[in-house]
Amino acid sequence: MTFNLADLFENAVDHFPDEECLVVEGERRTYAQMEERANRLAHHLSENGIGPGDHVGIYALNCVEWVETLWAVFKIRAIWININYRYVKDELSYVFDNADLKALVFQRQFALQVAEVRASIPGLSHAVVIEDGSDAGRSEVDAVGYEQALAGSSAERDFPQRSGDDLYILYTGGTTGMPKGVVWRHEDVFFALGGGIDYQSGWKAKRPEDIIERHGSGAPTTFFSPAPLMHGASQWSVMSRSFLGHKSVSIAKFDAHEVWRLVVEEGVQSLMITGDAMGRPLAEALDEDGVDYDLSSLFLVASTAAVFSATVKDDFFRHFPKLLIVDSVGASEAGANGMLLCTKGNTVQIGGGPTFKPGEGTVVLDEELLPVEPGSGAIGKIARSGHIPVEYYKDPEKSAATYLTAANGVRYSIPGDFAQVEADGSITLLGRGSVSINSGGEKIYPEEVEAVLKSHPEAYDALVVGVPDERWGSRVVAVVEPRGDARPTLEELQAHCRERVAGYKLPRELHLVKRIERSPAGKPDYRWAQRVARGEESPPA
């Protein structure tokens, strides 16, 4: 057994065959059932020419077949590629081509989109379709039915030996630019994102077997991640729990009341969300007249992949006074940087972004790749060493700019997030440099101003961008989604911000919109916000 993701899953299967592994949209799988079906799909793919190193796309909403497919692909040492179901033709064509797909597993409802791009991807030799009740593209796409593929293949676990050097690729869109494939070794991504390191205590697995011996011997816990599996945060919520014999719950599309209903029905103890994009509607659903859920099972809410503001955390604590909130900070290109533990009365943030305890290998580096002095006020970039990715797939220029080796020989992943180191060694996240605003020579990080704007009682959500300004180079523009029927003015928001951030960071222009555009993982769409700020898109709210 190695630090290979399929090996770690099979180890859990052998320990917990009869425990529930996954629940999605009413479909349930025990560990033994998940194993059998994944084995069958793995054999089917192998029989159709898919082998070690080949790329298999997964293009579907959250469903049990999504997770069965990921294990099947890893079992034969192939590499699965996450496909964003929101992509349109040009984006799909780019990802299918860039990722060098050889096979594809997709839901029937996306068949027409597949048909549009398949002819332009000559390397795509095999497709499997998951029936979902729709009737799309039956004559346009040549694909084997998912259940037919399983029925005709062996359920045996008789695969060749695997390695911790096998690869995992995560396509991530980030906040700007086209999707990028982040290439990880299995062993490295397990330690960076899969539970191989306990970032609170510092414990680290020495053998693959250690993970169950330490974490999986107690009663199974039920985790719920309503975010799309096409995003890394949700993938790792499900996979890391699957190494331990725990149960994961998911849904096809986010709905606040459906989330709370399932928390009650499945006895969910831990809920993993993606920042304010899910946190706000979840908290507000509990404030609606007549709402009365028995949520006594829930004791932990974890947030990752997007900013989870102090005001929304306080909303949760109004309903759950004893709740523990874990704010995880990290990036697909680096792994987990650290976390912030919050309890009621303890949600204050330093500056505008989250302040967290750094995990193993996480530092803030200056332009010379030297650590920033704690408490100095100097700004650097968050970096992580140790278990980090290999590269960006087929992008040597981006790889060279992100994965740097310092003079002392240490290799770092530096995705581009700016930060400061506080006097106690904690790190305050300022924001991604690619969307920072330079106004009159001063650098402004949008996330800091956004957090302050969202703490205004009439602001439900907000993005901050810079637009050209003849005098200052760029001026700060706030794009705000009001709360309910509220209509906050620029002057009101400026007065609110002036108490919390420096004057040069104040928004100089305000656009009210019906809805802030974010990805299903809660990541901001800054390109959309730029168009709004320039008057190119979206009518006023």
Protein backbone atom coordinates (compact mmCIF):
# COMPACT_ATOMS: atom_id res chain seq x y z
CA MET A 1 0.00 0.00 0.00
CA THR A 2 1.26 3.47 -0.94
CA PHE A 3 0.19 7.08 -0.51
CA ASN A 4 -1.95 6.61 -3.60
CA LEU A 5 -5.52 7.93 -3.49
CA ALA A 6 -7.07 4.70 -4.78
CA ASP A 7 -5.04 2.67 -2.26
CA LEU A 8 -6.23 4.91 0.58
CA PHE A 9 -9.86 4.52 -0.50
CA GLU A 10 -9.56 0.74 -0.79
CA ASN A 11 -8.03 0.62 2.69
CA ALA A 12 -11.19 2.29 4.02
CA VAL A 13 -13.35 -0.15 2.06
CA ASP A 14 -11.59 -3.07 3.74
CA HIS A 15 -12.15 -1.57 7.19
CA PHE A 16 -15.70 -0.23 6.75
CA PRO A 17 -17.46 -2.19 3.96
CA ASP A 18 -20.96 -1.87 5.40
CA GLU A 19 -20.80 1.78 6.47
CA GLU A 20 -22.51 4.38 4.30
CA CYS A 21 -20.00 6.19 2.12
CA LEU A 22 -22.09 8.62 0.06
CA VAL A 23 -25.59 10.07 -0.22
CA VAL A 24 -26.53 12.26 -3.20
CA GLU A 25 -30.06 13.16 -4.28
CA GLY A 26 -31.50 10.16 -2.46
CA GLU A 27 -29.01 7.67 -3.96
CA ARG A 28 -26.93 5.82 -1.35
CA ARG A 29 -23.73 3.80 -1.50
CA THR A 30 -22.00 1.82 1.21
CA TYR A 31 -18.23 1.49 0.94
CA ALA A 32 -18.61 -2.03 -0.48
CA GLN A 33 -21.14 -0.85 -3.07
CA MET A 34 -18.96 2.10 -4.07
CA GLU A 35 -15.99 -0.24 -4.43
CA GLU A 36 -17.86 -2.77 -6.58
CA ARG A 37 -19.26 -0.18 -8.96
CA ALA A 38 -15.96 1.68 -9.24
CA ASN A 39 -14.19 -1.60 -10.02
CA ARG A 40 -16.68 -2.35 -12.78
CA LEU A 41 -16.26 1.07 -14.38
CA ALA A 42 -12.48 0.81 -14.04
CA HIS A 43 -12.49 -2.49 -15.92
CA HIS A 44 -14.79 -1.05 -18.59
CA LEU A 45 -12.47 1.88 -19.18
CA SER A 46 -9.44 -0.39 -19.26
CA GLU A 47 -11.13 -2.69 -21.77
CA ASN A 48 -11.73 0.35 -23.98
CA GLY A 49 -8.12 1.44 -24.14
CA ILE A 50 -7.84 3.71 -21.09
CA GLY A 51 -4.72 3.13 -19.02
CA PRO A 52 -2.07 4.74 -16.81
CA GLY A 53 -1.64 8.43 -17.50
CA ASP A 54 -4.68 8.76 -19.79
CA HIS A 55 -7.08 11.62 -19.10
CA VAL A 56 -10.78 10.97 -18.41
CA GLY A 57 -13.16 13.93 -18.15
CA ILE A 58 -16.07 14.04 -15.67
CA TYR A 59 -18.84 16.37 -16.86
CA ALA A 60 -21.87 16.24 -14.55
CA LEU A 61 -23.73 17.77 -11.68
CA ASN A 62 -23.09 16.20 -8.27
CA CYS A 63 -24.23 12.57 -8.36
CA VAL A 64 -23.05 9.21 -7.04
CA GLU A 65 -21.66 8.37 -10.47
CA TRP A 66 -19.33 11.39 -10.25
CA VAL A 67 -17.63 9.88 -7.20
CA GLU A 68 -17.70 6.32 -8.57
CA THR A 69 -15.93 7.63 -11.67
CA LEU A 70 -13.17 9.36 -9.75
CA TRP A 71 -12.28 6.17 -7.88
CA ALA A 72 -12.54 4.07 -11.07
CA VAL A 73 -10.10 6.33 -12.90
CA PHE A 74 -7.58 6.31 -10.05
CA LYS A 75 -7.81 2.52 -9.76
CA ILE A 76 -6.37 2.10 -13.27
CA ARG A 77 -3.77 4.85 -12.69
CA ALA A 78 -5.46 7.18 -15.16
CA ILE A 79 -6.12 10.87 -14.43
CA TRP A 80 -9.59 12.36 -14.17
CA ILE A 81 -10.29 15.89 -15.36
CA ASN A 82 -13.01 17.99 -13.70
CA ILE A 83 -15.25 19.75 -16.24
CA ASN A 84 -17.13 22.87 -15.16
CA TYR A 85 -20.76 22.29 -16.16
CA ARG A 86 -21.32 26.04 -16.54
CA TYR A 87 -18.88 26.36 -19.44
CA VAL A 88 -20.16 27.33 -22.88
CA LYS A 89 -18.86 26.02 -26.20
CA ASP A 90 -15.58 27.96 -26.44
CA GLU A 91 -14.63 27.22 -22.82
CA LEU A 92 -15.49 23.53 -23.19
CA SER A 93 -13.48 23.29 -26.41
CA TYR A 94 -10.51 24.85 -24.65
CA VAL A 95 -10.62 22.50 -21.66
CA PHE A 96 -11.27 19.34 -23.72
CA ASP A 97 -8.33 20.20 -25.96
CA ASN A 98 -5.97 21.54 -23.28
CA ALA A 99 -6.60 18.54 -21.03
CA ASP A 100 -5.96 15.99 -23.82
CA LEU A 101 -9.09 14.00 -22.98
CA LYS A 102 -9.06 10.39 -24.15
CA ALA A 103 -12.37 9.42 -22.50
CA LEU A 104 -15.36 11.26 -21.08
CA VAL A 105 -18.06 10.38 -18.54
CA PHE A 106 -20.96 12.84 -18.81
CA GLN A 107 -24.59 13.31 -17.82
CA ARG A 108 -27.23 13.04 -20.53
CA GLN A 109 -28.35 16.66 -19.97
CA PHE A 110 -24.98 17.85 -21.30
CA ALA A 111 -25.01 15.69 -24.43
CA LEU A 112 -25.67 18.56 -26.86
CA GLN A 113 -22.73 20.52 -25.45
CA VAL A 114 -20.54 17.43 -25.85
CA ALA A 115 -21.73 16.98 -29.44
CA GLU A 116 -20.79 20.59 -30.25
CA VAL A 117 -17.14 20.14 -29.30
CA ARG A 118 -16.40 16.43 -29.69
CA ALA A 119 -15.57 16.59 -33.41
CA SER A 120 -12.81 19.10 -32.72
CA ILE A 121 -11.13 16.83 -30.15
CA PRO A 122 -9.74 13.90 -32.19
CA GLY A 123 -8.05 12.27 -29.19
CA LEU A 124 -11.38 11.63 -27.43
CA SER A 125 -11.92 7.96 -28.24
CA HIS A 126 -14.53 6.74 -25.72
CA ALA A 127 -17.56 8.18 -23.91
CA VAL A 128 -19.90 6.92 -21.18
CA VAL A 129 -23.24 8.63 -20.55
CA ILE A 130 -25.00 8.82 -17.17
CA GLU A 131 -28.75 8.78 -17.71
CA ASP A 132 -30.47 11.49 -15.70
CA GLY A 133 -34.04 11.47 -17.01
CA SER A 134 -33.41 13.93 -19.82
CA ASP A 135 -33.52 13.05 -23.50
CA ALA A 136 -30.81 15.32 -24.86
CA GLY A 137 -28.53 14.37 -27.73
CA ARG A 138 -29.47 10.73 -28.14
CA SER A 139 -28.70 10.76 -31.86
CA GLU A 140 -25.82 13.25 -31.74
CA VAL A 141 -23.42 11.53 -29.32
CA ASP A 142 -22.02 8.01 -29.55
CA ALA A 143 -21.69 6.85 -25.94
CA VAL A 144 -22.08 3.70 -23.85
CA GLY A 145 -24.70 3.85 -21.11
CA TYR A 146 -23.16 4.05 -17.64
CA GLU A 147 -25.15 1.17 -16.16
CA GLN A 148 -24.55 -0.91 -19.30
CA ALA A 149 -20.81 -0.32 -18.92
CA LEU A 150 -20.91 -1.52 -15.31
CA ALA A 151 -23.10 -4.54 -15.99
CA GLY A 152 -20.71 -5.89 -18.60
CA SER A 153 -17.52 -5.61 -16.54
CA SER A 154 -15.81 -7.38 -13.65
CA ALA A 155 -16.33 -6.31 -10.05
CA GLU A 156 -12.97 -7.71 -8.94
CA ARG A 157 -10.21 -5.62 -7.44
CA ASP A 158 -7.41 -7.05 -9.57
CA PHE A 159 -5.52 -3.96 -10.68
CA PRO A 160 -1.75 -3.53 -11.07
CA GLN A 161 0.26 -1.99 -8.25
CA ARG A 162 -0.01 1.77 -8.00
CA SER A 163 2.34 4.53 -6.86
CA GLY A 164 2.32 7.71 -4.85
CA ASP A 165 3.86 9.25 -7.97
CA ASP A 166 0.62 8.77 -9.93
CA LEU A 167 -0.88 12.10 -10.97
CA TYR A 168 -4.00 14.06 -10.08
CA ILE A 169 -4.98 17.16 -12.08
CA LEU A 170 -7.34 19.86 -10.85
CA TYR A 171 -8.58 22.40 -13.38
CA THR A 172 -9.18 25.69 -11.65
CA GLY A 173 -10.59 28.88 -13.10
CA GLY A 174 -9.48 31.18 -10.29
CA THR A 175 -10.70 34.77 -10.56
CA THR A 176 -9.21 35.68 -13.94
CA GLY A 177 -8.07 34.00 -17.16
CA MET A 178 -8.75 30.62 -18.76
CA PRO A 179 -8.86 27.42 -16.67
CA LYS A 180 -5.50 25.97 -15.65
CA GLY A 181 -4.69 22.35 -14.87
CA VAL A 182 -2.75 22.03 -11.62
CA VAL A 183 -0.70 18.81 -11.65
CA TRP A 184 -0.09 17.04 -8.34
CA ARG A 185 1.53 13.76 -7.32
CA HIS A 186 -0.94 11.64 -5.32
CA GLU A 187 1.34 11.58 -2.29
CA ASP A 188 1.82 15.35 -2.28
CA VAL A 189 -1.86 16.20 -2.70
CA PHE A 190 -2.81 13.74 0.04
CA PHE A 191 -0.55 15.59 2.48
CA ALA A 192 -1.56 19.02 1.18
CA LEU A 193 -5.33 18.56 0.98
CA GLY A 194 -6.34 15.00 1.85
CA GLY A 195 -5.75 14.74 5.59
CA GLY A 196 -2.18 13.47 5.66
CA ILE A 197 -1.30 16.40 7.92
CA ASP A 198 -3.39 17.68 10.84
CA TYR A 199 -2.86 21.42 10.50
CA GLN A 200 -4.14 22.09 14.01
CA SER A 201 -1.90 19.70 15.95
CA GLY A 202 0.94 19.23 13.45
CA TRP A 203 0.48 15.43 13.28
CA LYS A 204 1.65 13.86 10.02
CA ALA A 205 1.09 10.33 8.71
CA LYS A 206 4.23 8.25 8.35
CA ARG A 207 2.51 5.25 6.72
CA PRO A 208 -0.70 5.06 4.64
CA GLU A 209 -2.23 2.92 7.39
CA ASP A 210 -1.75 5.70 9.95
CA ILE A 211 -4.67 7.73 8.64
CA ILE A 212 -7.30 5.19 9.76
CA GLU A 213 -5.44 4.22 12.93
CA ARG A 214 -5.50 7.86 14.05
CA HIS A 215 -8.75 9.25 12.63
CA GLY A 216 -10.95 6.40 11.48
CA SER A 217 -11.33 4.19 14.52
CA GLY A 218 -14.24 6.07 16.14
CA ALA A 219 -17.90 6.27 15.18
CA PRO A 220 -18.44 7.47 11.59
CA THR A 221 -19.19 11.16 11.21
CA THR A 222 -21.52 12.64 8.59
CA PHE A 223 -20.11 15.47 6.48
CA PHE A 224 -22.10 17.57 4.03
CA SER A 225 -20.53 19.50 1.15
CA PRO A 226 -23.20 21.16 -1.01
CA ALA A 227 -20.63 22.74 -3.35
CA PRO A 228 -20.16 21.28 -6.86
CA LEU A 229 -17.74 18.36 -7.11
CA MET A 230 -16.21 20.02 -10.16
CA HIS A 231 -14.41 22.30 -7.66
CA GLY A 232 -11.47 21.17 -5.57
CA ALA A 233 -12.91 22.11 -2.17
CA SER A 234 -15.84 19.74 -2.58
CA GLN A 235 -13.71 16.99 -4.13
CA TRP A 236 -11.41 17.00 -1.13
CA SER A 237 -14.24 17.15 1.36
CA VAL A 238 -15.57 13.90 -0.11
CA MET A 239 -12.24 12.17 -0.77
CA SER A 240 -10.64 12.95 2.58
CA ARG A 241 -13.71 11.58 4.43
CA SER A 242 -13.67 8.50 2.21
CA PHE A 243 -10.21 7.61 3.49
CA LEU A 244 -11.63 7.40 7.03
CA GLY A 245 -14.88 5.48 6.69
CA HIS A 246 -17.09 8.55 7.21
CA LYS A 247 -20.28 9.43 5.30
CA SER A 248 -20.48 12.29 2.81
CA VAL A 249 -23.70 14.01 1.75
CA SER A 250 -24.07 16.13 -1.37
CA ILE A 251 -26.74 17.70 -3.59
CA ALA A 252 -26.95 18.43 -7.32
CA LYS A 253 -27.52 22.17 -6.91
CA PHE A 254 -27.32 24.47 -3.91
CA ASP A 255 -30.56 25.45 -2.20
CA ALA A 256 -30.47 26.79 1.36
CA HIS A 257 -33.62 25.08 2.61
CA GLU A 258 -32.65 21.78 0.97
CA VAL A 259 -29.30 21.97 2.78
CA TRP A 260 -31.00 22.44 6.16
CA ARG A 261 -33.52 19.69 5.41
CA LEU A 262 -30.70 17.25 4.70
CA VAL A 263 -28.78 18.31 7.80
CA VAL A 264 -31.82 17.21 9.77
CA GLU A 265 -32.59 14.07 7.74
CA GLU A 266 -29.01 12.73 7.59
CA GLY A 267 -27.93 13.89 11.07
CA VAL A 268 -25.12 15.99 9.59
CA GLN A 269 -22.43 16.95 12.10
CA SER A 270 -20.07 18.92 9.85
CA LEU A 271 -21.07 21.27 7.02
CA MET A 272 -18.50 22.46 4.47
CA ILE A 273 -19.47 25.63 2.58
CA THR A 274 -17.72 28.10 0.29
CA GLY A 275 -17.75 31.39 2.15
CA ASP A 276 -20.43 34.06 2.04
CA ALA A 277 -21.90 32.82 -1.25
CA MET A 278 -23.42 29.91 0.67
CA GLY A 279 -23.17 31.27 4.21
CA ARG A 280 -25.45 34.28 3.69
CA PRO A 281 -28.42 32.45 2.15
CA LEU A 282 -28.09 29.65 4.70
CA ALA A 283 -28.17 32.08 7.62
CA GLU A 284 -31.00 34.13 6.14
CA ALA A 285 -33.11 31.00 5.46
CA LEU A 286 -33.13 30.38 9.22
CA ASP A 287 -34.52 33.88 9.81
CA GLU A 288 -37.58 33.34 7.63
CA ASP A 289 -40.98 33.25 9.30
CA GLY A 290 -42.15 29.77 10.24
CA VAL A 291 -38.75 28.10 9.77
CA ASP A 292 -38.03 25.55 12.49
CA TYR A 293 -35.38 22.93 11.77
CA ASP A 294 -33.95 20.59 14.40
CA LEU A 295 -30.27 21.22 13.71
CA SER A 296 -28.97 19.85 17.00
CA SER A 297 -26.65 17.39 15.23
CA LEU A 298 -24.55 20.17 13.67
CA PHE A 299 -21.47 21.19 15.63
CA LEU A 300 -18.97 22.36 12.96
CA VAL A 301 -19.10 24.56 9.87
CA ALA A 302 -16.01 24.72 7.68
CA SER A 303 -15.48 27.26 4.93
CA THR A 304 -12.89 27.18 2.20
CA ALA A 305 -12.20 28.49 -1.33
CA ALA A 306 -13.87 31.87 -0.71
CA VAL A 307 -14.01 34.62 1.91
CA PHE A 308 -16.29 33.90 4.90
CA SER A 309 -16.85 37.33 6.47
CA ALA A 310 -17.11 38.05 10.18
CA THR A 311 -20.66 39.39 9.81
CA VAL A 312 -21.92 36.15 8.28
CA LYS A 313 -20.13 34.09 10.92
CA ASP A 314 -21.93 36.15 13.58
CA ASP A 315 -25.24 35.35 11.85
CA PHE A 316 -24.43 31.64 12.25
CA PHE A 317 -23.57 32.08 15.92
CA ARG A 318 -26.97 33.69 16.56
CA HIS A 319 -28.54 30.36 15.58
CA PHE A 320 -25.77 28.05 16.83
CA PRO A 321 -24.18 29.56 19.98
CA LYS A 322 -21.92 26.53 20.52
CA LEU A 323 -20.90 26.13 16.89
CA LEU A 324 -17.24 25.81 15.88
CA ILE A 325 -16.37 27.52 12.59
CA VAL A 326 -13.20 26.57 10.75
CA ASP A 327 -12.05 29.04 8.10
CA SER A 328 -9.55 27.25 5.85
CA VAL A 329 -7.15 29.22 3.67
CA GLY A 330 -5.44 27.69 0.68
CA ALA A 331 -5.27 27.43 -3.10
CA SER A 332 -5.50 24.72 -5.73
CA GLU A 333 -1.97 25.70 -6.80
CA ALA A 334 -0.47 25.31 -3.33
CA GLY A 335 -2.61 23.28 -0.94
CA ALA A 336 -3.75 24.25 2.53
CA ASN A 337 -1.99 27.28 3.99
CA GLY A 338 -3.65 27.22 7.40
CA MET A 339 -6.87 27.78 9.28
CA LEU A 340 -8.74 30.04 11.65
CA LEU A 341 -10.92 28.59 14.42
CA CYS A 342 -13.86 30.76 15.44
CA THR A 343 -16.32 30.52 18.31
CA LYS A 344 -19.10 32.88 19.36
CA GLY A 345 -17.71 36.29 20.25
CA ASN A 346 -14.42 35.55 18.51
CA THR A 347 -14.88 36.52 14.86
CA VAL A 348 -12.89 39.74 14.69
CA GLN A 349 -10.59 40.00 11.67
CA ILE A 350 -7.40 42.06 11.52
CA GLY A 351 -7.68 44.34 8.49
CA GLY A 352 -10.17 43.18 5.87
CA GLY A 353 -9.16 39.60 5.15
CA PRO A 354 -9.01 36.50 7.32
CA THR A 355 -6.19 36.18 9.82
CA PHE A 356 -5.11 32.57 10.32
CA LYS A 357 -2.55 30.31 11.91
CA PRO A 358 -0.17 29.11 9.17
CA GLY A 359 0.23 25.40 8.58
CA GLU A 360 3.31 23.39 7.74
CA GLY A 361 5.47 25.02 5.08
CA THR A 362 3.44 28.24 4.81
CA VAL A 363 5.32 31.56 4.94
CA VAL A 364 5.05 35.08 3.53
CA LEU A 365 7.96 35.98 1.23
CA ASP A 366 9.23 39.29 -0.10
CA GLU A 367 10.42 39.87 -3.67
CA GLU A 368 13.78 38.27 -2.82
CA LEU A 369 12.01 35.12 -1.61
CA LEU A 370 13.00 35.90 1.96
CA PRO A 371 10.51 35.59 4.86
CA VAL A 372 8.72 38.79 5.87
CA GLU A 373 9.49 39.91 9.43
CA PRO A 374 6.51 39.40 11.80
CA GLY A 375 4.86 42.64 12.91
CA SER A 376 6.86 44.76 10.47
CA GLY A 377 3.85 45.79 8.40
CA ALA A 378 5.66 44.64 5.25
CA ILE A 379 3.54 43.07 2.52
CA GLY A 380 4.64 39.90 0.76
CA LYS A 381 3.15 36.90 -0.99
CA ILE A 382 1.90 33.73 0.66
CA ALA A 383 4.13 30.81 -0.25
CA ARG A 384 4.12 27.14 0.62
CA SER A 385 6.94 24.59 0.47
CA GLY A 386 7.06 20.83 0.95
CA HIS A 387 4.13 18.94 -0.58
CA ILE A 388 3.27 21.20 -3.51
CA PRO A 389 2.24 20.63 -7.15
CA VAL A 390 4.52 19.61 -9.97
CA GLU A 391 3.41 22.24 -12.49
CA TYR A 392 0.55 23.71 -14.48
CA TYR A 393 -0.36 21.28 -17.25
CA LYS A 394 1.16 22.33 -20.59
CA ASP A 395 1.98 25.82 -19.31
CA PRO A 396 5.71 26.17 -18.64
CA GLU A 397 5.52 29.97 -18.48
CA LYS A 398 2.85 30.00 -15.78
CA SER A 399 4.62 27.15 -13.97
CA ALA A 400 7.89 29.09 -13.90
CA ALA A 401 6.11 32.15 -12.49
CA THR A 402 4.32 30.21 -9.72
CA TYR A 403 6.76 27.48 -8.64
CA LEU A 404 10.01 29.19 -7.64
CA THR A 405 13.17 27.98 -5.95
CA ALA A 406 14.81 30.29 -3.40
CA ALA A 407 18.56 30.79 -3.00
CA ASN A 408 18.59 28.25 -0.16
CA GLY A 409 17.25 25.56 -2.53
CA VAL A 410 13.70 25.46 -1.12
CA ARG A 411 11.01 25.17 -3.80
CA TYR A 412 7.86 27.22 -3.18
CA SER A 413 4.38 27.51 -4.64
CA ILE A 414 3.48 31.22 -4.84
CA PRO A 415 0.03 31.60 -6.43
CA GLY A 416 -0.10 35.39 -6.02
CA ASP A 417 -2.01 36.13 -2.79
CA PHE A 418 -0.62 39.10 -0.87
CA ALA A 419 -0.45 39.01 2.91
CA GLN A 420 1.12 40.43 6.06
CA VAL A 421 2.60 38.62 9.06
CA GLU A 422 1.29 39.79 12.42
CA ALA A 423 3.50 40.10 15.51
CA ASP A 424 2.27 36.74 16.85
CA GLY A 425 3.18 34.93 13.62
CA SER A 426 -0.37 34.71 12.27
CA ILE A 427 -0.97 35.72 8.66
CA THR A 428 -3.53 38.24 7.40
CA LEU A 429 -4.66 37.60 3.83
CA LEU A 430 -4.99 40.74 1.71
CA GLY A 431 -5.99 39.38 -1.69
CA ARG A 432 -4.85 38.21 -5.10
CA GLY A 433 -2.39 40.55 -6.78
CA SER A 434 -3.90 39.91 -10.22
CA VAL A 435 -6.98 41.93 -9.23
CA SER A 436 -5.31 44.51 -6.98
CA ILE A 437 -5.90 48.19 -7.72
CA ASN A 438 -3.12 50.78 -8.05
CA SER A 439 -4.56 54.20 -7.22
CA GLY A 440 -2.14 57.11 -6.99
CA GLY A 441 0.73 54.69 -6.35
CA GLU A 442 -1.07 52.95 -3.47
CA LYS A 443 -1.92 49.27 -3.86
CA ILE A 444 -5.46 48.33 -2.78
CA TYR A 445 -6.58 44.73 -2.31
CA PRO A 446 -10.26 44.28 -3.24
CA GLU A 447 -11.00 41.57 -0.65
CA GLU A 448 -10.13 43.93 2.20
CA VAL A 449 -12.60 46.60 1.02
CA GLU A 450 -15.23 43.99 0.11
CA ALA A 451 -15.20 42.58 3.63
CA VAL A 452 -15.87 46.04 5.07
CA LEU A 453 -18.64 46.79 2.57
CA LYS A 454 -20.39 43.51 3.39
CA SER A 455 -20.45 44.42 7.06
CA HIS A 456 -22.79 47.33 6.23
CA PRO A 457 -26.36 46.35 7.21
CA GLU A 458 -27.77 47.27 3.79
CA ALA A 459 -25.13 45.42 1.70
CA TYR A 460 -25.80 41.75 1.00
CA ASP A 461 -22.75 41.12 -1.20
CA ALA A 462 -20.06 43.21 -2.85
CA LEU A 463 -17.14 43.17 -5.27
CA VAL A 464 -14.53 45.89 -5.68
CA VAL A 465 -12.64 46.64 -8.89
CA GLY A 466 -10.51 49.41 -10.33
CA VAL A 467 -11.35 51.40 -13.46
CA PRO A 468 -9.10 53.85 -15.36
CA ASP A 469 -8.84 57.32 -13.86
CA GLU A 470 -6.99 60.25 -15.48
CA ARG A 471 -5.72 61.63 -12.18
CA TRP A 472 -5.07 58.54 -10.05
CA GLY A 473 -4.44 55.88 -12.69
CA SER A 474 -7.26 53.78 -11.24
CA ARG A 475 -10.18 54.56 -8.97
CA VAL A 476 -11.99 52.16 -6.65
CA VAL A 477 -15.48 51.11 -7.74
CA ALA A 478 -17.90 49.15 -5.56
CA VAL A 479 -20.42 46.79 -7.15
CA VAL A 480 -22.99 46.05 -4.44
CA GLU A 481 -25.97 43.75 -4.17
CA PRO A 482 -28.30 45.42 -1.64
CA ARG A 483 -30.09 43.55 1.09
CA GLY A 484 -33.80 43.30 0.29
CA ASP A 485 -35.28 46.64 -0.76
CA ALA A 486 -32.41 48.70 0.67
CA ARG A 487 -30.69 51.33 -1.47
CA PRO A 488 -27.43 52.29 0.22
CA THR A 489 -25.78 55.42 -1.16
CA LEU A 490 -22.13 55.92 -2.00
CA GLU A 491 -21.83 58.46 0.81
CA GLU A 492 -23.29 56.02 3.37
CA LEU A 493 -20.93 53.25 2.30
CA GLN A 494 -17.95 55.61 2.31
CA ALA A 495 -18.75 56.73 5.85
CA HIS A 496 -18.99 53.09 6.95
CA CYS A 497 -15.68 52.19 5.28
CA ARG A 498 -13.85 55.27 6.56
CA GLU A 499 -14.03 53.89 10.10
CA ARG A 500 -12.33 50.65 9.08
CA VAL A 501 -9.89 51.22 6.18
CA ALA A 502 -7.59 54.03 5.04
CA GLY A 503 -9.15 56.87 3.04
CA TYR A 504 -7.39 56.00 -0.22
CA LYS A 505 -9.17 52.61 -0.20
CA LEU A 506 -12.68 54.08 -0.14
CA PRO A 507 -14.91 53.38 -3.16
CA ARG A 508 -15.31 56.47 -5.34
CA GLU A 509 -18.14 55.07 -7.41
CA LEU A 510 -21.08 52.74 -6.67
CA HIS A 511 -23.12 50.40 -8.84
CA LEU A 512 -26.12 48.61 -7.32
CA VAL A 513 -26.98 45.32 -9.01
CA LYS A 514 -29.67 42.67 -8.64
CA ARG A 515 -27.14 39.92 -8.01
CA ILE A 516 -23.37 39.59 -7.64
CA GLU A 517 -21.99 37.06 -10.11
CA ARG A 518 -19.98 34.29 -8.48
CA SER A 519 -18.99 30.77 -9.46
CA PRO A 520 -20.77 27.83 -7.81
CA ALA A 521 -17.76 27.65 -5.48
CA GLY A 522 -18.33 31.23 -4.37
CA LYS A 523 -15.37 32.70 -6.25
CA PRO A 524 -15.94 36.27 -7.49
CA ASP A 525 -16.32 37.01 -11.18
CA TYR A 526 -14.13 40.11 -11.41
CA ARG A 527 -14.38 40.26 -15.20
CA TRP A 528 -18.16 40.64 -14.86
CA ALA A 529 -17.69 43.28 -12.14
CA GLN A 530 -15.33 45.20 -14.43
CA ARG A 531 -17.98 45.25 -17.15
CA VAL A 532 -20.56 46.53 -14.66
CA ALA A 533 -18.18 49.21 -13.42
CA ARG A 534 -17.57 50.38 -16.98
CA GLY A 535 -21.30 50.49 -17.68
CA GLU A 536 -21.15 47.62 -20.16
CA GLU A 537 -23.43 45.17 -18.36
CA SER A 538 -26.27 44.70 -15.85
CA PRO A 539 -29.06 47.20 -15.18
CA PRO A 540 -29.32 48.86 -11.75
CA ALA A 541 -31.03 46.91 -8.97
